Amino acid sequence: MEIREAQKIVLRFEEARRWNLFKESQIFTHLIEEISEIGRHILVREGYKARELGHQVPDEDVSREFAQAFTLFLQLANRMNVDLEDAFVREMEIMEKRFSREDWRKYMDSSYPKA
């Protein structure tokens, strides 16, 4: 599936439920909430939070959190008339020029040596 097609699917889904009446600020806040839930999974995965030591550990599959965040991100892009597929292609072209592959590989190899 192409990104543009995903945006259209989300738009139709939203309109069928009249979710297009929600404000962008509400969608954005919901997106941040879902990203925070991904963060909870990361904290558990890295051992910073542990169920047996007083923390509530997320039981839900982290892939659902990513899917929910992605859907909300698509909703915001639709609201702001952003063709994410086009924007992504253009941004990658800019980044290829801006961040030299060779320079970054040297930097990473010297700053983050392999264990």
Protein backbone atom coordinates (compact mmCIF):
# COMPACT_ATOMS: atom_id res chain seq x y z
CA MET A 1 0.00 0.00 0.00
CA GLU A 2 1.21 3.48 -0.78
CA ILE A 3 1.12 6.25 1.81
CA ARG A 4 -1.29 8.26 -0.34
CA GLU A 5 -3.72 5.33 -0.37
CA ALA A 6 -3.46 5.00 3.43
CA GLN A 7 -4.35 8.68 3.76
CA LYS A 8 -7.46 8.15 1.62
CA ILE A 9 -8.53 5.11 3.67
CA VAL A 10 -8.20 7.08 6.91
CA LEU A 11 -10.09 10.03 5.42
CA ARG A 12 -13.01 7.80 4.36
CA PHE A 13 -13.00 6.08 7.77
CA GLU A 14 -13.07 9.43 9.56
CA GLU A 15 -15.81 10.92 7.41
CA ALA A 16 -18.03 7.82 7.77
CA ARG A 17 -17.97 8.32 11.55
CA ARG A 18 -18.02 12.13 11.43
CA TRP A 19 -14.68 12.17 13.21
CA ASN A 20 -13.72 14.91 10.78
CA LEU A 21 -15.55 17.20 13.25
CA PHE A 22 -12.81 16.75 15.85
CA LYS A 23 -10.35 19.63 16.16
CA GLU A 24 -6.75 19.22 15.05
CA SER A 25 -5.62 19.96 18.60
CA GLN A 26 -7.60 16.95 19.85
CA ILE A 27 -6.11 14.65 17.23
CA PHE A 28 -2.62 15.96 17.99
CA THR A 29 -3.08 15.39 21.72
CA HIS A 30 -4.34 11.86 21.06
CA LEU A 31 -1.27 11.26 18.84
CA ILE A 32 1.03 12.33 21.67
CA GLU A 33 -0.83 9.96 24.01
CA GLU A 34 -0.26 7.03 21.64
CA ILE A 35 3.41 7.92 21.20
CA SER A 36 3.72 8.00 25.00
CA GLU A 37 2.32 4.48 25.13
CA ILE A 38 5.04 3.39 22.70
CA GLY A 39 7.46 5.05 25.13
CA ARG A 40 6.11 2.92 27.98
CA HIS A 41 6.84 -0.21 25.96
CA ILE A 42 10.39 1.02 25.35
CA LEU A 43 10.93 1.72 29.06
CA VAL A 44 9.79 -1.80 29.92
CA ARG A 45 11.83 -3.35 27.12
CA GLU A 46 14.99 -1.59 28.32
CA GLY A 47 14.32 -2.59 31.93
CA TYR A 48 13.77 0.92 33.25
CA LYS A 49 10.25 -0.06 34.34
CA ALA A 50 9.51 -3.50 35.78
CA ARG A 51 6.15 -4.94 36.77
CA GLU A 52 7.59 -6.74 39.78
CA LEU A 53 9.00 -3.46 41.08
CA GLY A 54 5.77 -1.46 41.27
CA HIS A 55 5.22 -0.35 37.67
CA GLN A 56 2.24 -1.05 35.50
CA VAL A 57 3.53 -2.73 32.38
CA PRO A 58 1.60 -2.35 29.12
CA ASP A 59 -0.14 -5.57 28.15
CA GLU A 60 -1.17 -4.49 24.66
CA ASP A 61 0.82 -5.42 21.58
CA VAL A 62 3.13 -2.50 20.75
CA SER A 63 2.32 -2.86 17.05
CA ARG A 64 -1.21 -1.63 17.83
CA GLU A 65 0.25 1.50 19.44
CA PHE A 66 2.31 2.17 16.31
CA ALA A 67 -0.74 1.63 14.10
CA GLN A 68 -2.85 3.97 16.23
CA ALA A 69 -0.15 6.67 16.16
CA PHE A 70 0.26 6.25 12.40
CA THR A 71 -3.49 6.57 11.83
CA LEU A 72 -3.65 9.75 13.90
CA PHE A 73 -0.62 11.13 12.05
CA LEU A 74 -2.38 10.47 8.74
CA GLN A 75 -5.49 12.22 10.07
CA LEU A 76 -3.45 15.33 10.88
CA ALA A 77 -1.75 15.29 7.49
CA ASN A 78 -5.16 15.09 5.82
CA ARG A 79 -6.43 18.03 7.85
CA MET A 80 -3.44 20.11 6.83
CA ASN A 81 -3.65 19.06 3.17
CA VAL A 82 -0.23 17.40 3.24
CA ASP A 83 0.45 14.65 0.72
CA LEU A 84 2.75 12.63 2.97
CA GLU A 85 4.05 10.46 0.15
CA ASP A 86 5.21 13.50 -1.82
CA ALA A 87 6.52 15.25 1.29
CA PHE A 88 8.48 12.14 2.31
CA VAL A 89 10.14 11.77 -1.09
CA ARG A 90 11.11 15.45 -1.15
CA GLU A 91 12.45 15.33 2.42
CA MET A 92 14.57 12.24 1.74
CA GLU A 93 16.14 14.02 -1.24
CA ILE A 94 17.01 16.98 0.99
CA MET A 95 18.39 14.73 3.73
CA GLU A 96 20.57 12.78 1.25
CA LYS A 97 22.27 16.06 0.33
CA ARG A 98 22.34 17.49 3.85
CA PHE A 99 23.75 14.50 5.74
CA SER A 100 26.79 13.00 4.05
CA ARG A 101 26.71 9.20 4.27
CA GLU A 102 30.50 8.94 4.51
CA ASP A 103 30.89 11.69 7.13
CA TRP A 104 28.14 10.23 9.28
CA ARG A 105 29.52 6.70 9.05
CA LYS A 106 32.94 7.97 10.20
CA TYR A 107 31.36 9.92 13.03
CA MET A 108 29.22 7.01 14.22
CA ASP A 109 32.12 4.54 14.01
CA SER A 110 34.32 6.83 16.12
CA SER A 111 31.63 7.96 18.58
CA TYR A 112 29.71 4.72 18.95
CA PRO A 113 32.20 1.88 18.59
CA LYS A 114 30.76 -1.58 18.21
CA ALA A 115 30.66 -3.62 21.40
